[in-house]
Amino acid sequence: MYLYKFMTFYFRLPVFIRLLLTVSILMFLFGFIIHLIEPAHFPSVFEGIWWAFVTGSTVGYGDFVPLSPLGKVIGILLILAGGGLVTFYMATVSSATIKREEEMAKGNTAFKGKNHIIFIGWNERTRQLLDMMQTYHKKEPFVLIDHSLKQFSHKEHACHFVRGDPTSDETLQKANIKNAAYAIITADPAKKEQQADQTSILTTVAIKGNNPDIHVVTEILTKEQVSNAKRAGATTVIRSNDFMGTLFFQEIFRVSTEEPFEFLLQILATQQFSSIKIPTNLVGQTFLEASTSYVSAERLLIGIIRQDDIMINPSFHTHLEKDDQLLLLNPMS
């Protein structure tokens, strides 16, 4: 009965663990036997086990050797049985390691971590975002879901790759969506704008269906689909086309030598926006006085949110009110 349970447990173990267990038992057995046969040359079981491992692995230090004919027969059996088994074990471990690396590169391996950030779609925006995340937030694990890539260098980008359709529950579960903290959905550049937005919205629905508490950032190309993305559960909607249109306008009508795109890109790469409720000690002060109070903390006051109205760089004489929110620019930590 106990033997049957042990054998059942044994054959349920992974192959390389079974082999390691078999090699260990075999070496312990030969070490114990050689100690019984030649106690003078192998005064303890440990010396016998040491000799068995050294001989079985074909290292052969020669510090312990059997001298009796029976001991030499045991040594021959160990070399034939143990040596082949150890070699087979090492080959199996190497093969399993290579196979796992190949499976990870192909995106067939499930992610087991928690509180990770999931990127949907591999493109230039995702690559730049991943580089920035690795620069400023190295502790968070990253998972990429993409259906177009055949292989992905997870070591080069320090990102776990899952290949598949991001709207599929199976793919999302492989990315451990239930334990993820954020999901970043980028628009598919290979599709038309309307189709790309529909795919992004459908992906948002699938992600929220698997994890209602996850923070989802969805890129939307057409203004008409913004409300649908929010209804689908997107926590934040990025309107990339509107953003780029504004940059083009700034470039056409700029009067300074400073290029707005490069300037704004530098700000976004090194600074972080935040909004806070106005502190009680700043109520009634002017925008200039409040700005001065934040300079010492290396934070830049750039605007006020008042009744859903965003005022960027208002007049220095503007007085702050009780229900205002302050827009700040902070150094990226």
Protein backbone atom coordinates (compact mmCIF):
# COMPACT_ATOMS: atom_id res chain seq x y z
CA MET A 1 0.00 0.00 0.00
CA TYR A 2 2.77 2.43 1.02
CA LEU A 3 4.88 1.37 -1.95
CA TYR A 4 1.96 2.09 -4.30
CA LYS A 5 1.48 5.58 -2.79
CA PHE A 6 5.19 6.29 -3.06
CA MET A 7 5.33 5.17 -6.70
CA THR A 8 2.25 7.25 -7.52
CA PHE A 9 3.83 10.30 -5.88
CA TYR A 10 7.17 9.56 -7.57
CA PHE A 11 5.80 9.41 -11.11
CA ARG A 12 3.82 12.63 -10.60
CA LEU A 13 7.02 14.57 -10.01
CA PRO A 14 8.71 16.47 -12.87
CA VAL A 15 11.21 14.40 -14.84
CA PHE A 16 14.34 16.20 -13.66
CA ILE A 17 13.25 15.95 -10.00
CA ARG A 18 12.61 12.21 -10.44
CA LEU A 19 16.05 11.79 -11.97
CA LEU A 20 17.72 13.80 -9.19
CA LEU A 21 15.91 11.72 -6.58
CA THR A 22 16.94 8.49 -8.33
CA VAL A 23 20.59 9.57 -8.61
CA SER A 24 20.66 10.56 -4.92
CA ILE A 25 19.15 7.26 -3.77
CA LEU A 26 21.56 5.30 -5.97
CA MET A 27 24.61 7.18 -4.67
CA PHE A 28 23.52 6.80 -1.07
CA LEU A 29 22.96 3.08 -1.65
CA PHE A 30 26.40 2.50 -3.21
CA GLY A 31 28.04 4.63 -0.54
CA PHE A 32 26.43 2.58 2.21
CA ILE A 33 27.36 -0.73 0.53
CA ILE A 34 31.02 0.20 0.04
CA HIS A 35 31.20 1.25 3.69
CA LEU A 36 29.93 -2.19 4.76
CA ILE A 37 32.33 -4.03 2.42
CA GLU A 38 35.48 -2.04 3.19
CA PRO A 39 35.03 -0.28 6.55
CA ALA A 40 38.80 0.17 6.89
CA HIS A 41 39.13 2.26 3.74
CA PHE A 42 35.68 3.86 4.11
CA PRO A 43 35.40 4.49 7.88
CA SER A 44 32.05 6.27 7.66
CA VAL A 45 28.98 6.25 5.45
CA PHE A 46 29.74 9.83 4.43
CA GLU A 47 33.11 8.82 2.92
CA GLY A 48 31.30 6.06 1.04
CA ILE A 49 28.68 8.47 -0.29
CA TRP A 50 31.42 10.96 -1.26
CA TRP A 51 33.24 8.23 -3.20
CA ALA A 52 30.00 7.18 -4.91
CA PHE A 53 29.23 10.73 -6.11
CA VAL A 54 32.82 11.36 -7.26
CA THR A 55 33.00 8.02 -9.08
CA GLY A 56 29.47 8.13 -10.50
CA SER A 57 29.99 11.62 -11.92
CA THR A 58 33.29 10.39 -13.52
CA VAL A 59 35.27 13.09 -11.69
CA GLY A 60 37.51 10.52 -9.94
CA TYR A 61 39.60 12.42 -7.40
CA GLY A 62 41.21 9.16 -6.22
CA ASP A 63 41.16 10.08 -2.51
CA PHE A 64 39.00 7.00 -1.81
CA VAL A 65 39.30 3.78 -3.84
CA PRO A 66 38.05 0.24 -3.19
CA LEU A 67 40.85 -2.31 -2.71
CA SER A 68 39.06 -5.65 -2.36
CA PRO A 69 37.83 -7.59 -5.42
CA LEU A 70 34.22 -7.24 -4.25
CA GLY A 71 34.72 -3.52 -3.69
CA LYS A 72 36.09 -3.15 -7.21
CA VAL A 73 33.05 -5.00 -8.59
CA ILE A 74 30.83 -2.51 -6.73
CA GLY A 75 32.87 0.30 -8.30
CA ILE A 76 32.34 -1.14 -11.79
CA LEU A 77 28.60 -1.42 -11.20
CA LEU A 78 28.54 2.17 -9.93
CA ILE A 79 30.36 3.42 -13.03
CA LEU A 80 28.00 1.51 -15.35
CA ALA A 81 24.78 2.41 -13.53
CA GLY A 82 25.55 5.70 -11.79
CA GLY A 83 27.71 7.26 -14.47
CA GLY A 84 25.11 6.72 -17.18
CA LEU A 85 22.33 7.95 -14.92
CA VAL A 86 24.21 11.11 -13.91
CA THR A 87 25.01 11.87 -17.55
CA PHE A 88 21.38 11.31 -18.49
CA TYR A 89 20.29 13.61 -15.65
CA MET A 90 22.61 16.43 -16.75
CA ALA A 91 21.46 16.05 -20.36
CA THR A 92 17.82 16.15 -19.24
CA VAL A 93 18.34 19.28 -17.14
CA SER A 94 20.16 21.01 -20.01
CA SER A 95 17.47 20.00 -22.48
CA ALA A 96 14.70 21.20 -20.14
CA THR A 97 16.46 24.55 -19.65
CA ILE A 98 16.88 25.10 -23.38
CA LYS A 99 13.29 24.06 -24.04
CA ARG A 100 11.99 26.46 -21.39
CA GLU A 101 14.02 29.31 -22.90
CA GLU A 102 12.55 28.52 -26.31
CA GLU A 103 9.01 28.35 -24.91
CA MET A 104 9.48 31.70 -23.15
CA ALA A 105 10.80 33.29 -26.36
CA LYS A 106 7.75 31.97 -28.23
CA GLY A 107 5.38 33.28 -25.55
CA ASN A 108 4.03 29.90 -24.47
CA THR A 109 4.97 30.14 -20.77
CA ALA A 110 2.50 31.37 -18.15
CA PHE A 111 3.47 34.22 -15.83
CA LYS A 112 3.37 33.43 -12.10
CA GLY A 113 4.16 36.83 -10.54
CA LYS A 114 1.87 39.41 -8.92
CA ASN A 115 1.31 43.18 -9.01
CA HIS A 116 2.76 43.33 -12.52
CA ILE A 117 2.13 45.68 -15.42
CA ILE A 118 0.68 44.21 -18.61
CA PHE A 119 1.41 45.81 -21.98
CA ILE A 120 -0.98 45.00 -24.83
CA GLY A 121 0.60 45.15 -28.31
CA TRP A 122 4.26 45.46 -29.29
CA ASN A 123 5.08 48.65 -31.19
CA GLU A 124 7.40 51.64 -30.93
CA ARG A 125 5.22 53.27 -28.24
CA THR A 126 5.32 50.12 -26.13
CA ARG A 127 9.07 49.79 -26.53
CA GLN A 128 9.68 53.39 -25.44
CA LEU A 129 7.26 53.04 -22.53
CA LEU A 130 8.94 49.83 -21.42
CA ASP A 131 12.36 51.50 -21.53
CA MET A 132 11.07 54.37 -19.38
CA MET A 133 9.39 52.01 -16.91
CA GLN A 134 12.60 50.04 -16.54
CA THR A 135 14.55 53.25 -15.99
CA TYR A 136 12.33 54.72 -13.28
CA HIS A 137 10.43 51.73 -11.83
CA LYS A 138 12.73 48.72 -11.94
CA LYS A 139 10.94 46.73 -9.24
CA GLU A 140 7.69 46.16 -11.11
CA PRO A 141 7.57 43.01 -13.30
CA PHE A 142 6.33 43.51 -16.85
CA VAL A 143 4.31 41.22 -19.11
CA LEU A 144 3.81 41.77 -22.84
CA ILE A 145 0.81 40.32 -24.70
CA ASP A 146 1.05 40.35 -28.48
CA HIS A 147 -0.37 38.14 -31.24
CA SER A 148 1.90 39.21 -34.11
CA LEU A 149 5.34 38.42 -32.69
CA LYS A 150 6.75 34.98 -33.40
CA GLN A 151 9.55 35.38 -30.86
CA PHE A 152 10.52 37.96 -28.24
CA SER A 153 13.81 38.53 -26.40
CA HIS A 154 12.56 38.58 -22.81
CA LYS A 155 16.12 38.96 -21.49
CA GLU A 156 16.89 41.99 -23.64
CA HIS A 157 13.71 43.82 -22.60
CA ALA A 158 13.36 42.29 -19.09
CA CYS A 159 9.75 41.50 -19.90
CA HIS A 160 7.79 38.23 -19.84
CA PHE A 161 6.19 37.53 -23.22
CA VAL A 162 2.79 35.92 -23.75
CA ARG A 163 1.77 35.29 -27.35
CA GLY A 164 -1.93 35.33 -28.11
CA ASP A 165 -5.12 37.32 -28.56
CA PRO A 166 -5.49 39.85 -25.70
CA THR A 167 -9.29 39.56 -25.90
CA SER A 168 -9.07 35.84 -25.10
CA ASP A 169 -9.56 34.73 -21.49
CA GLU A 170 -6.99 31.97 -21.99
CA THR A 171 -4.31 34.47 -23.04
CA LEU A 172 -5.15 36.86 -20.21
CA GLN A 173 -5.05 34.06 -17.65
CA LYS A 174 -1.66 33.01 -18.98
CA ALA A 175 -0.54 36.58 -18.21
CA ASN A 176 -2.00 36.15 -14.68
CA ILE A 177 -4.44 38.99 -15.23
CA LYS A 178 -6.20 38.43 -11.88
CA ASN A 179 -3.08 39.47 -9.97
CA ALA A 180 -1.99 42.32 -12.26
CA ALA A 181 -1.94 45.93 -11.08
CA TYR A 182 -2.02 47.80 -14.41
CA ALA A 183 -2.87 47.11 -18.04
CA ILE A 184 -1.66 49.40 -20.84
CA ILE A 185 -3.58 48.96 -24.10
CA THR A 186 -1.95 50.53 -27.14
CA ALA A 187 -3.75 50.98 -30.45
CA ASP A 188 -2.83 48.49 -33.17
CA PRO A 189 -0.94 50.47 -35.86
CA ALA A 190 -1.65 47.75 -38.45
CA LYS A 191 -5.40 48.42 -38.35
CA LYS A 192 -7.55 51.32 -39.44
CA GLU A 193 -8.39 53.80 -36.69
CA GLN A 194 -11.98 52.63 -36.21
CA GLN A 195 -10.97 48.97 -36.15
CA ALA A 196 -8.06 49.68 -33.80
CA ASP A 197 -10.39 51.47 -31.35
CA GLN A 198 -12.91 48.63 -31.46
CA THR A 199 -10.15 46.14 -30.67
CA SER A 200 -8.88 48.32 -27.80
CA ILE A 201 -12.39 48.61 -26.35
CA LEU A 202 -13.00 44.86 -26.65
CA THR A 203 -9.65 44.22 -24.95
CA THR A 204 -10.64 46.59 -22.14
CA VAL A 205 -13.89 44.67 -21.62
CA ALA A 206 -12.01 41.34 -21.52
CA ILE A 207 -9.45 42.63 -19.01
CA LYS A 208 -12.06 44.20 -16.73
CA GLY A 209 -14.11 41.02 -16.91
CA ASN A 210 -11.18 39.03 -15.55
CA ASN A 211 -10.04 41.63 -13.02
CA PRO A 212 -12.53 44.39 -12.10
CA ASP A 213 -10.00 46.14 -9.83
CA ILE A 214 -7.19 46.52 -12.35
CA HIS A 215 -6.16 50.01 -13.50
CA VAL A 216 -6.59 50.07 -17.30
CA VAL A 217 -5.04 52.74 -19.52
CA THR A 218 -6.50 52.57 -23.05
CA GLU A 219 -5.25 54.40 -26.12
CA ILE A 220 -8.08 55.62 -28.36
CA LEU A 221 -7.53 57.16 -31.80
CA THR A 222 -10.98 58.55 -32.63
CA LYS A 223 -12.81 61.02 -30.41
CA GLU A 224 -16.16 59.24 -30.93
CA GLN A 225 -14.92 56.10 -29.16
CA VAL A 226 -13.68 57.78 -25.98
CA SER A 227 -17.03 57.43 -24.21
CA ASN A 228 -17.26 53.77 -25.25
CA ALA A 229 -13.81 53.08 -23.85
CA LYS A 230 -14.84 54.62 -20.52
CA ARG A 231 -18.04 52.58 -20.50
CA ALA A 232 -15.97 49.47 -21.19
CA GLY A 233 -14.10 50.11 -17.95
CA ALA A 234 -11.01 52.06 -18.95
CA THR A 235 -9.66 53.94 -15.94
CA THR A 236 -7.75 56.37 -18.14
CA VAL A 237 -8.22 57.09 -21.85
CA ILE A 238 -5.25 58.40 -23.85
CA ARG A 239 -6.36 60.35 -26.92
CA SER A 240 -3.13 60.13 -28.90
CA ASN A 241 -4.47 61.66 -32.13
CA ASP A 242 -5.74 64.77 -30.31
CA PHE A 243 -2.39 65.08 -28.57
CA MET A 244 -0.45 64.83 -31.84
CA GLY A 245 -2.84 67.28 -33.56
CA THR A 246 -2.13 69.85 -30.85
CA LEU A 247 1.61 69.38 -31.29
CA PHE A 248 1.31 69.93 -35.04
CA PHE A 249 -0.64 73.14 -34.39
CA GLN A 250 2.04 74.34 -31.98
CA GLU A 251 4.76 73.56 -34.50
CA ILE A 252 3.05 75.44 -37.35
CA PHE A 253 2.38 78.62 -35.39
CA ARG A 254 5.32 78.69 -33.00
CA VAL A 255 7.26 81.94 -32.82
CA SER A 256 10.21 80.76 -30.71
CA THR A 257 13.22 78.71 -31.74
CA GLU A 258 12.32 76.02 -29.19
CA GLU A 259 10.72 72.97 -30.80
CA PRO A 260 7.55 72.16 -28.81
CA PHE A 261 7.65 68.42 -29.45
CA GLU A 262 11.21 67.97 -28.19
CA PHE A 263 10.56 70.30 -25.27
CA LEU A 264 7.37 68.49 -24.21
CA LEU A 265 9.00 65.08 -24.71
CA GLN A 266 11.81 66.06 -22.36
CA ILE A 267 9.29 67.24 -19.74
CA LEU A 268 7.25 64.04 -19.94
CA ALA A 269 10.37 61.89 -19.73
CA THR A 270 11.82 63.58 -16.64
CA GLN A 271 8.84 65.12 -14.83
CA GLN A 272 5.57 63.76 -13.48
CA PHE A 273 2.22 65.58 -13.29
CA SER A 274 0.08 65.38 -10.17
CA SER A 275 -3.02 67.09 -8.78
CA ILE A 276 -3.69 67.69 -5.10
CA LYS A 277 -6.41 69.31 -3.03
CA ILE A 278 -5.36 72.78 -2.03
CA PRO A 279 -3.82 72.91 1.48
CA THR A 280 -5.78 75.05 3.90
CA ASN A 281 -2.80 77.37 4.49
CA LEU A 282 -2.76 78.33 0.79
CA VAL A 283 -6.47 79.28 0.54
CA GLY A 284 -6.74 82.99 -0.23
CA GLN A 285 -3.12 83.32 -1.38
CA THR A 286 -2.20 84.37 -4.89
CA PHE A 287 -0.94 81.93 -7.50
CA LEU A 288 2.51 83.55 -7.22
CA GLU A 289 2.65 83.11 -3.43
CA ALA A 290 1.57 79.47 -3.71
CA SER A 291 4.13 78.84 -6.46
CA THR A 292 6.90 80.22 -4.25
CA SER A 293 5.95 77.85 -1.41
CA TYR A 294 6.43 74.80 -3.67
CA VAL A 295 9.78 75.88 -5.14
CA SER A 296 11.68 74.91 -1.98
CA ALA A 297 10.27 71.37 -2.30
CA GLU A 298 11.45 71.18 -5.96
CA ARG A 299 7.86 71.08 -7.19
CA LEU A 300 6.49 73.43 -9.84
CA LEU A 301 2.93 74.77 -9.60
CA ILE A 302 1.68 75.01 -13.19
CA GLY A 303 -2.09 75.42 -12.90
CA ILE A 304 -5.40 75.22 -11.07
CA ILE A 305 -8.43 72.97 -11.54
CA ARG A 306 -11.54 74.94 -10.55
CA GLN A 307 -15.00 73.42 -11.11
CA ASP A 308 -13.70 71.12 -13.88
CA ASP A 309 -12.05 74.10 -15.57
CA ILE A 310 -8.29 73.66 -16.03
CA MET A 311 -6.33 76.92 -15.85
CA ILE A 312 -2.72 76.47 -16.95
CA ASN A 313 -0.33 79.26 -15.93
CA PRO A 314 -3.05 81.66 -14.71
CA SER A 315 -2.33 85.26 -13.73
CA PHE A 316 0.06 85.54 -10.78
CA HIS A 317 -2.60 87.69 -9.05
CA THR A 318 -5.24 84.92 -9.21
CA HIS A 319 -6.40 84.07 -5.68
CA LEU A 320 -6.76 80.42 -4.73
CA GLU A 321 -10.16 79.24 -3.52
CA LYS A 322 -11.24 76.56 -1.03
CA ASP A 323 -12.34 73.90 -3.54
CA ASP A 324 -9.43 74.36 -5.97
CA GLN A 325 -7.09 71.56 -6.96
CA LEU A 326 -3.46 72.35 -7.73
CA LEU A 327 -1.60 70.99 -10.74
CA LEU A 328 2.04 70.26 -9.93
CA LEU A 329 5.07 69.13 -11.88
CA ASN A 330 7.35 66.84 -9.86
CA PRO A 331 10.78 65.35 -10.68
CA MET A 332 10.52 61.71 -11.77
CA SER A 333 11.78 59.54 -8.93
